[in-house]
Amino acid sequence: MPASNPTPSALLPGADPALALEVQAWLVGLGAERRLSPKTVEAYRRDLGQFLGFLAGHTGEALTIAGLTALTVADLRSFLAFRRRDAIAPRSLMRALAGLRSFARHLEREGFGNAPAFAAVATPKLPRSLPKPIAVGPARSLADPDTRAGEARPDWVLSRDAAVLGLLYGAGLRISEALGLRRHAAPVGGLDHVTVLGKGQKTRMVPVIAPVRAAIERYLAQCPHALADDGPLFVGSRGGPLSPRIIQLAMERLRGALDLPPTATPHALRHSFATHLLSRGGDLRSIQELLGHASLSTTQIYTAVDAARLVAAYRDAHPRAQG
């Protein structure tokens, strides 16, 4: 980790130096061995810092490794309740607990003893929220550069944005995966797939349908910048890497043009890809592989989305469902 990241001893002067060293070793391991993203490592560091800060006041004692391993379930529940009072989102609370458990496992691996309370405390439950896909018609329009015809923007920019959105809807990519593609990997000519680097640094191969390949070819033909073979496929107005924020802003403009709700985000196109495939008989396992989900249970949520749409259609259209 960079030296600019404060250690627990810097944040909490009363902490045991040995504890600070183990925290630093754990953070380095998260990035180097588990290959977590820098943002995730920073979030875990921040969560642990908040936990140690809470403990300093909660126990009234100097923070030590032995003190951490001796914590009880009640101590951890007190911390979770403390964070809930700050109106922290359940998902962030889950991430914080996952980070604390990871640090406890690190201490155990390093020979400092078991810390059973971290595994025993109940994981906060997430409120069930179904993905909100976009209907087929508007989803297609979002990936069509002609939808934005007349905007005071260069044609190549409109084609670029449409090609990126086409990859989100037509191939189910995350926006980071689409913008991470290199020029040499562009699915054009005889290449009909892309290999993307997803979460957990895992790669997967995803087929790219003909309309999306055509949109990428259109963008490449119009792009005024010389794209290096090993450089980014999608570039900004000055030729540098394209920021995700630019695509988010394009989506905001398209929402207004197509009268779509605020839930119509770039990521909603990935939800649409999965939901529309499933509604047309797509195999759940295949969709899992295409999306790069580690667990089938993550993909199964789209079956609930499809079922909810069927129920809504029944209620709206069936004669016996009225009144």
C-alpha atoms as a PDB file:
ATOM      1  CA  MET A   1       0.000   0.000   0.000  1.00  0.00           C
ATOM      2  CA  PRO A   2       1.195   3.571  -0.588  1.00  0.00           C
ATOM      3  CA  ALA A   3       2.847   5.250   2.381  1.00  0.00           C
ATOM      4  CA  SER A   4       0.214   8.000   2.244  1.00  0.00           C
ATOM      5  CA  ASN A   5      -2.377   5.584   3.624  1.00  0.00           C
ATOM      6  CA  PRO A   6      -2.356   6.094   7.398  1.00  0.00           C
ATOM      7  CA  THR A   7      -1.817   3.040   9.601  1.00  0.00           C
ATOM      8  CA  PRO A   8      -3.876   2.418  12.743  1.00  0.00           C
ATOM      9  CA  SER A   9      -1.010   3.748  14.893  1.00  0.00           C
ATOM     10  CA  ALA A  10      -1.185   7.029  12.952  1.00  0.00           C
ATOM     11  CA  LEU A  11      -4.947   7.204  13.271  1.00  0.00           C
ATOM     12  CA  LEU A  12      -4.959   5.979  16.886  1.00  0.00           C
ATOM     13  CA  PRO A  13      -1.764   6.852  18.773  1.00  0.00           C
ATOM     14  CA  GLY A  14      -2.573   4.380  21.550  1.00  0.00           C
ATOM     15  CA  ALA A  15      -2.592   1.346  19.260  1.00  0.00           C
ATOM     16  CA  ASP A  16       0.002  -1.414  19.614  1.00  0.00           C
ATOM     17  CA  PRO A  17       2.723  -1.043  16.923  1.00  0.00           C
ATOM     18  CA  ALA A  18       2.487  -4.791  16.274  1.00  0.00           C
ATOM     19  CA  LEU A  19      -1.180  -4.326  15.385  1.00  0.00           C
ATOM     20  CA  ALA A  20      -0.282  -1.571  12.906  1.00  0.00           C
ATOM     21  CA  LEU A  21       2.272  -3.841  11.252  1.00  0.00           C
ATOM     22  CA  GLU A  22      -0.266  -6.654  10.840  1.00  0.00           C
ATOM     23  CA  VAL A  23      -2.843  -4.275   9.393  1.00  0.00           C
ATOM     24  CA  GLN A  24      -0.303  -3.101   6.843  1.00  0.00           C
ATOM     25  CA  ALA A  25       0.684  -6.678   5.972  1.00  0.00           C
ATOM     26  CA  TRP A  26      -2.980  -7.614   5.549  1.00  0.00           C
ATOM     27  CA  LEU A  27      -3.678  -4.675   3.243  1.00  0.00           C
ATOM     28  CA  VAL A  28      -0.658  -5.492   1.084  1.00  0.00           C
ATOM     29  CA  GLY A  29      -1.840  -9.097   0.869  1.00  0.00           C
ATOM     30  CA  LEU A  30      -5.298  -8.028  -0.263  1.00  0.00           C
ATOM     31  CA  GLY A  31      -3.848  -6.252  -3.262  1.00  0.00           C
ATOM     32  CA  ALA A  32      -0.896  -8.514  -4.109  1.00  0.00           C
ATOM     33  CA  GLU A  33      -2.227 -11.980  -3.282  1.00  0.00           C
ATOM     34  CA  ARG A  34      -6.002 -11.717  -3.480  1.00  0.00           C
ATOM     35  CA  ARG A  35      -5.696  -9.154  -6.303  1.00  0.00           C
ATOM     36  CA  LEU A  36      -8.495  -6.944  -5.013  1.00  0.00           C
ATOM     37  CA  SER A  37      -8.877  -3.573  -6.687  1.00  0.00           C
ATOM     38  CA  PRO A  38      -7.223  -0.536  -5.057  1.00  0.00           C
ATOM     39  CA  LYS A  39     -10.678   0.929  -4.335  1.00  0.00           C
ATOM     40  CA  THR A  40     -11.744  -2.230  -2.490  1.00  0.00           C
ATOM     41  CA  VAL A  41      -8.507  -2.322  -0.495  1.00  0.00           C
ATOM     42  CA  GLU A  42      -8.977   1.327   0.446  1.00  0.00           C
ATOM     43  CA  ALA A  43     -12.583   0.641   1.519  1.00  0.00           C
ATOM     44  CA  TYR A  44     -11.403  -2.247   3.722  1.00  0.00           C
ATOM     45  CA  ARG A  45      -8.686  -0.043   5.238  1.00  0.00           C
ATOM     46  CA  ARG A  46     -11.236   2.653   6.008  1.00  0.00           C
ATOM     47  CA  ASP A  47     -13.696   0.146   7.498  1.00  0.00           C
ATOM     48  CA  LEU A  48     -11.024  -1.338   9.760  1.00  0.00           C
ATOM     49  CA  GLY A  49      -9.939   2.134  10.844  1.00  0.00           C
ATOM     50  CA  GLN A  50     -13.523   2.947  11.835  1.00  0.00           C
ATOM     51  CA  PHE A  51     -13.736  -0.326  13.747  1.00  0.00           C
ATOM     52  CA  LEU A  52     -10.511   0.318  15.645  1.00  0.00           C
ATOM     53  CA  GLY A  53     -11.642   3.853  16.418  1.00  0.00           C
ATOM     54  CA  PHE A  54     -14.899   2.500  17.824  1.00  0.00           C
ATOM     55  CA  LEU A  55     -13.068  -0.075  19.948  1.00  0.00           C
ATOM     56  CA  ALA A  56     -10.810   2.565  21.478  1.00  0.00           C
ATOM     57  CA  GLY A  57     -13.849   4.216  23.011  1.00  0.00           C
ATOM     58  CA  HIS A  58     -15.863   1.034  23.519  1.00  0.00           C
ATOM     59  CA  THR A  59     -13.281  -0.860  25.578  1.00  0.00           C
ATOM     60  CA  GLY A  60     -11.366   2.082  27.013  1.00  0.00           C
ATOM     61  CA  GLU A  61      -8.151   0.114  26.583  1.00  0.00           C
ATOM     62  CA  ALA A  62      -5.124   0.287  24.309  1.00  0.00           C
ATOM     63  CA  LEU A  63      -5.685  -1.552  21.059  1.00  0.00           C
ATOM     64  CA  THR A  64      -3.727  -4.791  20.821  1.00  0.00           C
ATOM     65  CA  ILE A  65      -3.857  -7.957  18.733  1.00  0.00           C
ATOM     66  CA  ALA A  66      -4.706  -9.966  21.844  1.00  0.00           C
ATOM     67  CA  GLY A  67      -7.573  -7.602  22.553  1.00  0.00           C
ATOM     68  CA  LEU A  68      -8.964  -8.086  19.043  1.00  0.00           C
ATOM     69  CA  THR A  69      -8.871 -11.875  19.207  1.00  0.00           C
ATOM     70  CA  ALA A  70     -10.633 -11.762  22.587  1.00  0.00           C
ATOM     71  CA  LEU A  71     -13.602  -9.710  21.358  1.00  0.00           C
ATOM     72  CA  THR A  72     -17.084 -11.145  21.837  1.00  0.00           C
ATOM     73  CA  VAL A  73     -20.091 -11.284  19.538  1.00  0.00           C
ATOM     74  CA  ALA A  74     -21.658  -8.587  21.717  1.00  0.00           C
ATOM     75  CA  ASP A  75     -18.689  -6.281  20.978  1.00  0.00           C
ATOM     76  CA  LEU A  76     -19.163  -6.740  17.243  1.00  0.00           C
ATOM     77  CA  ARG A  77     -22.909  -6.225  17.481  1.00  0.00           C
ATOM     78  CA  SER A  78     -22.238  -2.976  19.308  1.00  0.00           C
ATOM     79  CA  PHE A  79     -20.033  -1.825  16.438  1.00  0.00           C
ATOM     80  CA  LEU A  80     -22.670  -2.741  13.840  1.00  0.00           C
ATOM     81  CA  ALA A  81     -25.312  -0.870  15.846  1.00  0.00           C
ATOM     82  CA  PHE A  82     -22.943   2.099  16.106  1.00  0.00           C
ATOM     83  CA  ARG A  83     -22.523   2.175  12.317  1.00  0.00           C
ATOM     84  CA  ARG A  84     -26.263   1.806  11.735  1.00  0.00           C
ATOM     85  CA  ARG A  85     -26.799   4.994  13.726  1.00  0.00           C
ATOM     86  CA  ASP A  86     -24.756   6.723  11.024  1.00  0.00           C
ATOM     87  CA  ALA A  87     -27.350   5.484   8.488  1.00  0.00           C
ATOM     88  CA  ILE A  88     -24.785   3.319   6.715  1.00  0.00           C
ATOM     89  CA  ALA A  89     -26.273   1.271   3.866  1.00  0.00           C
ATOM     90  CA  PRO A  90     -26.716  -2.460   4.558  1.00  0.00           C
ATOM     91  CA  ARG A  91     -24.425  -3.356   1.676  1.00  0.00           C
ATOM     92  CA  SER A  92     -21.657  -1.159   3.095  1.00  0.00           C
ATOM     93  CA  LEU A  93     -22.190  -2.760   6.495  1.00  0.00           C
ATOM     94  CA  MET A  94     -21.809  -6.193   4.895  1.00  0.00           C
ATOM     95  CA  ARG A  95     -18.570  -5.089   3.232  1.00  0.00           C
ATOM     96  CA  ALA A  96     -17.250  -3.773   6.554  1.00  0.00           C
ATOM     97  CA  LEU A  97     -17.988  -7.064   8.297  1.00  0.00           C
ATOM     98  CA  ALA A  98     -16.390  -9.013   5.428  1.00  0.00           C
ATOM     99  CA  GLY A  99     -13.243  -6.916   5.812  1.00  0.00           C
ATOM    100  CA  LEU A 100     -13.109  -7.449   9.577  1.00  0.00           C
ATOM    101  CA  ARG A 101     -13.498 -11.203   9.092  1.00  0.00           C
ATOM    102  CA  SER A 102     -10.715 -11.150   6.513  1.00  0.00           C
ATOM    103  CA  PHE A 103      -8.399  -9.375   8.964  1.00  0.00           C
ATOM    104  CA  ALA A 104      -9.299 -11.858  11.710  1.00  0.00           C
ATOM    105  CA  ARG A 105      -8.393 -14.727   9.366  1.00  0.00           C
ATOM    106  CA  HIS A 106      -5.106 -12.993   8.616  1.00  0.00           C
ATOM    107  CA  LEU A 107      -4.285 -12.836  12.329  1.00  0.00           C
ATOM    108  CA  GLU A 108      -5.117 -16.523  12.680  1.00  0.00           C
ATOM    109  CA  ARG A 109      -2.878 -17.466   9.729  1.00  0.00           C
ATOM    110  CA  GLU A 110      -0.042 -15.466  11.253  1.00  0.00           C
ATOM    111  CA  GLY A 111      -0.286 -17.431  14.505  1.00  0.00           C
ATOM    112  CA  PHE A 112      -2.003 -14.883  16.740  1.00  0.00           C
ATOM    113  CA  GLY A 113      -4.877 -17.187  17.663  1.00  0.00           C
ATOM    114  CA  ASN A 114      -8.467 -17.696  16.618  1.00  0.00           C
ATOM    115  CA  ALA A 115     -11.060 -14.894  16.833  1.00  0.00           C
ATOM    116  CA  PRO A 116     -14.374 -16.804  16.792  1.00  0.00           C
ATOM    117  CA  ALA A 117     -16.604 -13.777  17.341  1.00  0.00           C
ATOM    118  CA  PHE A 118     -15.972 -12.482  13.820  1.00  0.00           C
ATOM    119  CA  ALA A 119     -17.337 -15.662  12.242  1.00  0.00           C
ATOM    120  CA  ALA A 120     -20.175 -16.040  14.765  1.00  0.00           C
ATOM    121  CA  VAL A 121     -21.774 -12.610  14.390  1.00  0.00           C
ATOM    122  CA  ALA A 122     -24.748 -12.608  12.014  1.00  0.00           C
ATOM    123  CA  THR A 123     -24.298 -10.977   8.614  1.00  0.00           C
ATOM    124  CA  PRO A 124     -26.633  -7.995   8.048  1.00  0.00           C
ATOM    125  CA  LYS A 125     -29.490  -8.820   5.707  1.00  0.00           C
ATOM    126  CA  LEU A 126     -29.893  -6.897   2.485  1.00  0.00           C
ATOM    127  CA  PRO A 127     -33.330  -5.659   1.466  1.00  0.00           C
ATOM    128  CA  ARG A 128     -34.344  -7.633  -1.602  1.00  0.00           C
ATOM    129  CA  SER A 129     -34.235  -5.396  -4.642  1.00  0.00           C
ATOM    130  CA  LEU A 130     -34.839  -6.706  -8.127  1.00  0.00           C
ATOM    131  CA  PRO A 131     -32.809  -5.368 -11.069  1.00  0.00           C
ATOM    132  CA  LYS A 132     -34.731  -2.888 -13.202  1.00  0.00           C
ATOM    133  CA  PRO A 133     -34.156  -3.767 -16.871  1.00  0.00           C
ATOM    134  CA  ILE A 134     -35.015  -1.505 -19.774  1.00  0.00           C
ATOM    135  CA  ALA A 135     -37.587  -2.657 -22.314  1.00  0.00           C
ATOM    136  CA  VAL A 136     -36.320  -4.098 -25.596  1.00  0.00           C
ATOM    137  CA  GLY A 137     -37.314  -1.145 -27.793  1.00  0.00           C
ATOM    138  CA  PRO A 138     -35.675   1.613 -25.729  1.00  0.00           C
ATOM    139  CA  ALA A 139     -32.618  -0.589 -25.081  1.00  0.00           C
ATOM    140  CA  ARG A 140     -32.064  -0.892 -28.828  1.00  0.00           C
ATOM    141  CA  SER A 141     -32.545   2.847 -29.265  1.00  0.00           C
ATOM    142  CA  LEU A 142     -29.949   3.590 -26.594  1.00  0.00           C
ATOM    143  CA  ALA A 143     -27.344   1.753 -28.670  1.00  0.00           C
ATOM    144  CA  ASP A 144     -28.285   3.552 -31.897  1.00  0.00           C
ATOM    145  CA  PRO A 145     -26.246   6.719 -32.673  1.00  0.00           C
ATOM    146  CA  ASP A 146     -29.128   8.059 -34.764  1.00  0.00           C
ATOM    147  CA  THR A 147     -31.170   8.432 -31.567  1.00  0.00           C
ATOM    148  CA  ARG A 148     -28.987  11.429 -30.723  1.00  0.00           C
ATOM    149  CA  ALA A 149     -28.934  12.880 -34.239  1.00  0.00           C
ATOM    150  CA  GLY A 150     -28.961  16.665 -34.094  1.00  0.00           C
ATOM    151  CA  GLU A 151     -26.904  16.980 -30.910  1.00  0.00           C
ATOM    152  CA  ALA A 152     -24.055  19.470 -31.083  1.00  0.00           C
ATOM    153  CA  ARG A 153     -21.446  16.742 -30.821  1.00  0.00           C
ATOM    154  CA  PRO A 154     -19.149  15.190 -33.433  1.00  0.00           C
ATOM    155  CA  ASP A 155     -20.552  12.165 -35.226  1.00  0.00           C
ATOM    156  CA  TRP A 156     -17.649  10.008 -34.047  1.00  0.00           C
ATOM    157  CA  VAL A 157     -18.501  10.779 -30.405  1.00  0.00           C
ATOM    158  CA  LEU A 158     -22.109   9.718 -30.928  1.00  0.00           C
ATOM    159  CA  SER A 159     -20.901   6.539 -32.648  1.00  0.00           C
ATOM    160  CA  ARG A 160     -18.439   5.864 -29.818  1.00  0.00           C
ATOM    161  CA  ASP A 161     -21.094   6.218 -27.123  1.00  0.00           C
ATOM    162  CA  ALA A 162     -23.492   3.998 -29.063  1.00  0.00           C
ATOM    163  CA  ALA A 163     -20.803   1.334 -29.472  1.00  0.00           C
ATOM    164  CA  VAL A 164     -20.062   1.314 -25.733  1.00  0.00           C
ATOM    165  CA  LEU A 165     -23.758   1.119 -24.833  1.00  0.00           C
ATOM    166  CA  GLY A 166     -24.139  -1.598 -27.458  1.00  0.00           C
ATOM    167  CA  LEU A 167     -21.522  -3.701 -25.658  1.00  0.00           C
ATOM    168  CA  LEU A 168     -23.374  -3.250 -22.354  1.00  0.00           C
ATOM    169  CA  TYR A 169     -26.692  -4.352 -23.826  1.00  0.00           C
ATOM    170  CA  GLY A 170     -25.570  -6.694 -26.600  1.00  0.00           C
ATOM    171  CA  ALA A 171     -22.807  -8.477 -24.665  1.00  0.00           C
ATOM    172  CA  GLY A 172     -23.752  -7.846 -21.034  1.00  0.00           C
ATOM    173  CA  LEU A 173     -20.458  -6.148 -20.166  1.00  0.00           C
ATOM    174  CA  ARG A 174     -19.887  -3.951 -17.165  1.00  0.00           C
ATOM    175  CA  ILE A 175     -18.936  -0.409 -18.132  1.00  0.00           C
ATOM    176  CA  SER A 176     -15.427  -0.944 -16.700  1.00  0.00           C
ATOM    177  CA  GLU A 177     -15.045  -4.069 -18.838  1.00  0.00           C
ATOM    178  CA  ALA A 178     -16.109  -2.282 -22.015  1.00  0.00           C
ATOM    179  CA  LEU A 179     -13.805   0.679 -21.398  1.00  0.00           C
ATOM    180  CA  GLY A 180     -10.968  -1.684 -20.487  1.00  0.00           C
ATOM    181  CA  LEU A 181     -10.892  -3.253 -23.957  1.00  0.00           C
ATOM    182  CA  ARG A 182      -7.716  -2.725 -25.994  1.00  0.00           C
ATOM    183  CA  ARG A 183      -7.715  -1.700 -29.660  1.00  0.00           C
ATOM    184  CA  HIS A 184      -6.164  -5.002 -30.784  1.00  0.00           C
ATOM    185  CA  ALA A 185      -9.054  -6.885 -29.120  1.00  0.00           C
ATOM    186  CA  ALA A 186     -11.808  -4.998 -30.968  1.00  0.00           C
ATOM    187  CA  PRO A 187     -14.447  -7.458 -32.246  1.00  0.00           C
ATOM    188  CA  VAL A 188     -14.229  -6.408 -35.890  1.00  0.00           C
ATOM    189  CA  GLY A 189     -13.359  -8.152 -39.109  1.00  0.00           C
ATOM    190  CA  GLY A 190     -13.318 -11.868 -38.448  1.00  0.00           C
ATOM    191  CA  LEU A 191     -13.316 -11.529 -34.650  1.00  0.00           C
ATOM    192  CA  ASP A 192     -16.769 -12.133 -33.145  1.00  0.00           C
ATOM    193  CA  HIS A 193     -15.987 -12.104 -29.428  1.00  0.00           C
ATOM    194  CA  VAL A 194     -14.138 -10.199 -26.731  1.00  0.00           C
ATOM    195  CA  THR A 195     -12.107 -11.437 -23.789  1.00  0.00           C
ATOM    196  CA  VAL A 196     -12.763  -9.214 -20.792  1.00  0.00           C
ATOM    197  CA  LEU A 197     -11.182  -8.863 -17.375  1.00  0.00           C
ATOM    198  CA  GLY A 198     -13.987  -8.942 -14.815  1.00  0.00           C
ATOM    199  CA  LYS A 199     -14.319  -8.863 -11.061  1.00  0.00           C
ATOM    200  CA  GLY A 200     -11.689 -10.726  -9.103  1.00  0.00           C
ATOM    201  CA  GLN A 201      -9.322 -10.336 -12.072  1.00  0.00           C
ATOM    202  CA  LYS A 202     -11.098 -13.226 -13.800  1.00  0.00           C
ATOM    203  CA  THR A 203     -11.207 -13.345 -17.589  1.00  0.00           C
ATOM    204  CA  ARG A 204     -14.089 -14.622 -19.694  1.00  0.00           C
ATOM    205  CA  MET A 205     -14.866 -14.780 -23.395  1.00  0.00           C
ATOM    206  CA  VAL A 206     -18.102 -13.152 -24.526  1.00  0.00           C
ATOM    207  CA  PRO A 207     -19.581 -13.369 -28.054  1.00  0.00           C
ATOM    208  CA  VAL A 208     -20.439 -10.067 -29.721  1.00  0.00           C
ATOM    209  CA  ILE A 209     -23.452  -9.966 -32.038  1.00  0.00           C
ATOM    210  CA  ALA A 210     -23.250  -8.509 -35.534  1.00  0.00           C
ATOM    211  CA  PRO A 211     -25.079  -5.190 -34.818  1.00  0.00           C
ATOM    212  CA  VAL A 212     -22.656  -4.384 -32.003  1.00  0.00           C
ATOM    213  CA  ARG A 213     -19.639  -5.285 -34.153  1.00  0.00           C
ATOM    214  CA  ALA A 214     -21.023  -2.997 -36.856  1.00  0.00           C
ATOM    215  CA  ALA A 215     -21.393  -0.167 -34.317  1.00  0.00           C
ATOM    216  CA  ILE A 216     -17.761  -0.586 -33.257  1.00  0.00           C
ATOM    217  CA  GLU A 217     -16.613  -0.617 -36.903  1.00  0.00           C
ATOM    218  CA  ARG A 218     -18.581   2.596 -37.493  1.00  0.00           C
ATOM    219  CA  TYR A 219     -16.892   4.239 -34.506  1.00  0.00           C
ATOM    220  CA  LEU A 220     -13.422   3.123 -35.636  1.00  0.00           C
ATOM    221  CA  ALA A 221     -14.022   4.423 -39.149  1.00  0.00           C
ATOM    222  CA  GLN A 222     -14.997   7.863 -37.788  1.00  0.00           C
ATOM    223  CA  CYS A 223     -12.566   8.203 -34.858  1.00  0.00           C
ATOM    224  CA  PRO A 224     -10.094  11.020 -35.638  1.00  0.00           C
ATOM    225  CA  HIS A 225      -7.416   9.717 -33.273  1.00  0.00           C
ATOM    226  CA  ALA A 226      -4.716   7.176 -34.088  1.00  0.00           C
ATOM    227  CA  LEU A 227      -5.411   4.297 -31.717  1.00  0.00           C
ATOM    228  CA  ALA A 228      -2.358   2.387 -30.498  1.00  0.00           C
ATOM    229  CA  ASP A 229      -2.705  -1.372 -30.818  1.00  0.00           C
ATOM    230  CA  ASP A 230      -2.166  -1.836 -27.087  1.00  0.00           C
ATOM    231  CA  GLY A 231      -4.051   1.327 -26.174  1.00  0.00           C
ATOM    232  CA  PRO A 232      -7.711   1.719 -25.219  1.00  0.00           C
ATOM    233  CA  LEU A 233     -10.326   0.908 -27.839  1.00  0.00           C
ATOM    234  CA  PHE A 234     -12.569   3.767 -26.697  1.00  0.00           C
ATOM    235  CA  VAL A 235     -11.009   7.194 -26.250  1.00  0.00           C
ATOM    236  CA  GLY A 236     -12.121  10.615 -25.116  1.00  0.00           C
ATOM    237  CA  SER A 237     -12.275  13.794 -27.131  1.00  0.00           C
ATOM    238  CA  ARG A 238      -8.510  14.350 -26.782  1.00  0.00           C
ATOM    239  CA  GLY A 239      -7.532  10.764 -27.494  1.00  0.00           C
ATOM    240  CA  GLY A 240      -6.965   9.643 -23.912  1.00  0.00           C
ATOM    241  CA  PRO A 241      -8.799   6.839 -22.072  1.00  0.00           C
ATOM    242  CA  LEU A 242     -12.554   7.349 -22.001  1.00  0.00           C
ATOM    243  CA  SER A 243     -14.009   8.128 -18.574  1.00  0.00           C
ATOM    244  CA  PRO A 244     -17.063   6.136 -17.402  1.00  0.00           C
ATOM    245  CA  ARG A 245     -18.611   9.470 -16.443  1.00  0.00           C
ATOM    246  CA  ILE A 246     -18.837  10.443 -20.124  1.00  0.00           C
ATOM    247  CA  ILE A 247     -20.987   7.365 -20.816  1.00  0.00           C
ATOM    248  CA  GLN A 248     -23.110   8.078 -17.752  1.00  0.00           C
ATOM    249  CA  LEU A 249     -23.735  11.620 -19.010  1.00  0.00           C
ATOM    250  CA  ALA A 250     -24.631  10.278 -22.459  1.00  0.00           C
ATOM    251  CA  MET A 251     -27.108   7.934 -20.790  1.00  0.00           C
ATOM    252  CA  GLU A 252     -28.645  10.845 -18.900  1.00  0.00           C
ATOM    253  CA  ARG A 253     -29.236  12.708 -22.163  1.00  0.00           C
ATOM    254  CA  LEU A 254     -30.719   9.607 -23.754  1.00  0.00           C
ATOM    255  CA  ARG A 255     -33.036   9.098 -20.784  1.00  0.00           C
ATOM    256  CA  GLY A 256     -34.481  12.517 -21.428  1.00  0.00           C
ATOM    257  CA  ALA A 257     -34.855  11.904 -25.162  1.00  0.00           C
ATOM    258  CA  LEU A 258     -36.552   8.515 -24.658  1.00  0.00           C
ATOM    259  CA  ASP A 259     -38.530   9.473 -21.527  1.00  0.00           C
ATOM    260  CA  LEU A 260     -36.921   6.750 -19.425  1.00  0.00           C
ATOM    261  CA  PRO A 261     -36.826   6.652 -15.595  1.00  0.00           C
ATOM    262  CA  PRO A 262     -33.703   7.413 -13.524  1.00  0.00           C
ATOM    263  CA  THR A 263     -33.174   3.659 -13.107  1.00  0.00           C
ATOM    264  CA  ALA A 264     -32.144   3.509 -16.787  1.00  0.00           C
ATOM    265  CA  THR A 265     -28.401   3.617 -16.148  1.00  0.00           C
ATOM    266  CA  PRO A 266     -25.529   2.042 -18.098  1.00  0.00           C
ATOM    267  CA  HIS A 267     -25.579  -0.891 -15.664  1.00  0.00           C
ATOM    268  CA  ALA A 268     -29.307  -1.342 -16.313  1.00  0.00           C
ATOM    269  CA  LEU A 269     -28.356  -2.332 -19.869  1.00  0.00           C
ATOM    270  CA  ARG A 270     -26.420  -5.277 -18.433  1.00  0.00           C
ATOM    271  CA  HIS A 271     -29.542  -6.213 -16.450  1.00  0.00           C
ATOM    272  CA  SER A 272     -31.549  -5.900 -19.675  1.00  0.00           C
ATOM    273  CA  PHE A 273     -29.150  -8.206 -21.500  1.00  0.00           C
ATOM    274  CA  ALA A 274     -29.664 -10.947 -18.892  1.00  0.00           C
ATOM    275  CA  THR A 275     -33.418 -10.469 -18.508  1.00  0.00           C
ATOM    276  CA  HIS A 276     -34.132 -10.393 -22.240  1.00  0.00           C
ATOM    277  CA  LEU A 277     -31.996 -13.498 -22.842  1.00  0.00           C
ATOM    278  CA  LEU A 278     -33.817 -15.354 -20.076  1.00  0.00           C
ATOM    279  CA  SER A 279     -37.256 -14.333 -21.321  1.00  0.00           C
ATOM    280  CA  ARG A 280     -36.378 -15.781 -24.724  1.00  0.00           C
ATOM    281  CA  GLY A 281     -35.380 -19.157 -23.345  1.00  0.00           C
ATOM    282  CA  GLY A 282     -31.734 -18.533 -22.496  1.00  0.00           C
ATOM    283  CA  ASP A 283     -30.100 -21.112 -20.240  1.00  0.00           C
ATOM    284  CA  LEU A 284     -29.375 -19.799 -16.754  1.00  0.00           C
ATOM    285  CA  ARG A 285     -25.919 -21.402 -16.603  1.00  0.00           C
ATOM    286  CA  SER A 286     -24.955 -19.889 -19.948  1.00  0.00           C
ATOM    287  CA  ILE A 287     -26.140 -16.461 -18.817  1.00  0.00           C
ATOM    288  CA  GLN A 288     -24.081 -16.870 -15.637  1.00  0.00           C
ATOM    289  CA  GLU A 289     -20.970 -17.508 -17.733  1.00  0.00           C
ATOM    290  CA  LEU A 290     -21.667 -14.594 -20.037  1.00  0.00           C
ATOM    291  CA  LEU A 291     -22.129 -12.208 -17.118  1.00  0.00           C
ATOM    292  CA  GLY A 292     -19.101 -13.538 -15.249  1.00  0.00           C
ATOM    293  CA  HIS A 293     -21.029 -14.260 -12.044  1.00  0.00           C
ATOM    294  CA  ALA A 294     -19.080 -16.415  -9.594  1.00  0.00           C
ATOM    295  CA  SER A 295     -22.290 -17.904  -8.180  1.00  0.00           C
ATOM    296  CA  LEU A 296     -25.413 -19.104  -9.943  1.00  0.00           C
ATOM    297  CA  SER A 297     -27.508 -17.602  -7.139  1.00  0.00           C
ATOM    298  CA  THR A 298     -26.449 -14.147  -8.329  1.00  0.00           C
ATOM    299  CA  THR A 299     -27.794 -14.897 -11.800  1.00  0.00           C
ATOM    300  CA  GLN A 300     -30.984 -16.466 -10.478  1.00  0.00           C
ATOM    301  CA  ILE A 301     -32.309 -13.074  -9.443  1.00  0.00           C
ATOM    302  CA  TYR A 302     -33.186 -12.522 -13.107  1.00  0.00           C
ATOM    303  CA  THR A 303     -35.697 -15.367 -12.908  1.00  0.00           C
ATOM    304  CA  ALA A 304     -37.534 -13.309 -10.296  1.00  0.00           C
ATOM    305  CA  VAL A 305     -37.447 -10.293 -12.615  1.00  0.00           C
ATOM    306  CA  ASP A 306     -38.928 -12.354 -15.454  1.00  0.00           C
ATOM    307  CA  ALA A 307     -41.602 -13.809 -13.179  1.00  0.00           C
ATOM    308  CA  ALA A 308     -42.523 -10.332 -11.938  1.00  0.00           C
ATOM    309  CA  ARG A 309     -42.952  -9.123 -15.521  1.00  0.00           C
ATOM    310  CA  LEU A 310     -45.194 -12.085 -16.336  1.00  0.00           C
ATOM    311  CA  VAL A 311     -47.374 -11.353 -13.315  1.00  0.00           C
ATOM    312  CA  ALA A 312     -47.590  -7.674 -14.286  1.00  0.00           C
ATOM    313  CA  ALA A 313     -48.547  -8.598 -17.847  1.00  0.00           C
ATOM    314  CA  TYR A 314     -51.207 -10.979 -16.524  1.00  0.00           C
ATOM    315  CA  ARG A 315     -52.688  -8.339 -14.246  1.00  0.00           C
ATOM    316  CA  ASP A 316     -52.734  -5.764 -17.033  1.00  0.00           C
ATOM    317  CA  ALA A 317     -54.145  -7.962 -19.786  1.00  0.00           C
ATOM    318  CA  HIS A 318     -56.059 -10.964 -18.457  1.00  0.00           C
ATOM    319  CA  PRO A 319     -59.850 -10.399 -18.411  1.00  0.00           C
ATOM    320  CA  ARG A 320     -60.243 -12.205 -15.094  1.00  0.00           C
ATOM    321  CA  ALA A 321     -57.513 -10.135 -13.429  1.00  0.00           C
ATOM    322  CA  GLN A 322     -59.499  -6.917 -13.602  1.00  0.00           C
ATOM    323  CA  GLY A 323     -61.428  -5.541 -10.651  1.00  0.00           C
END
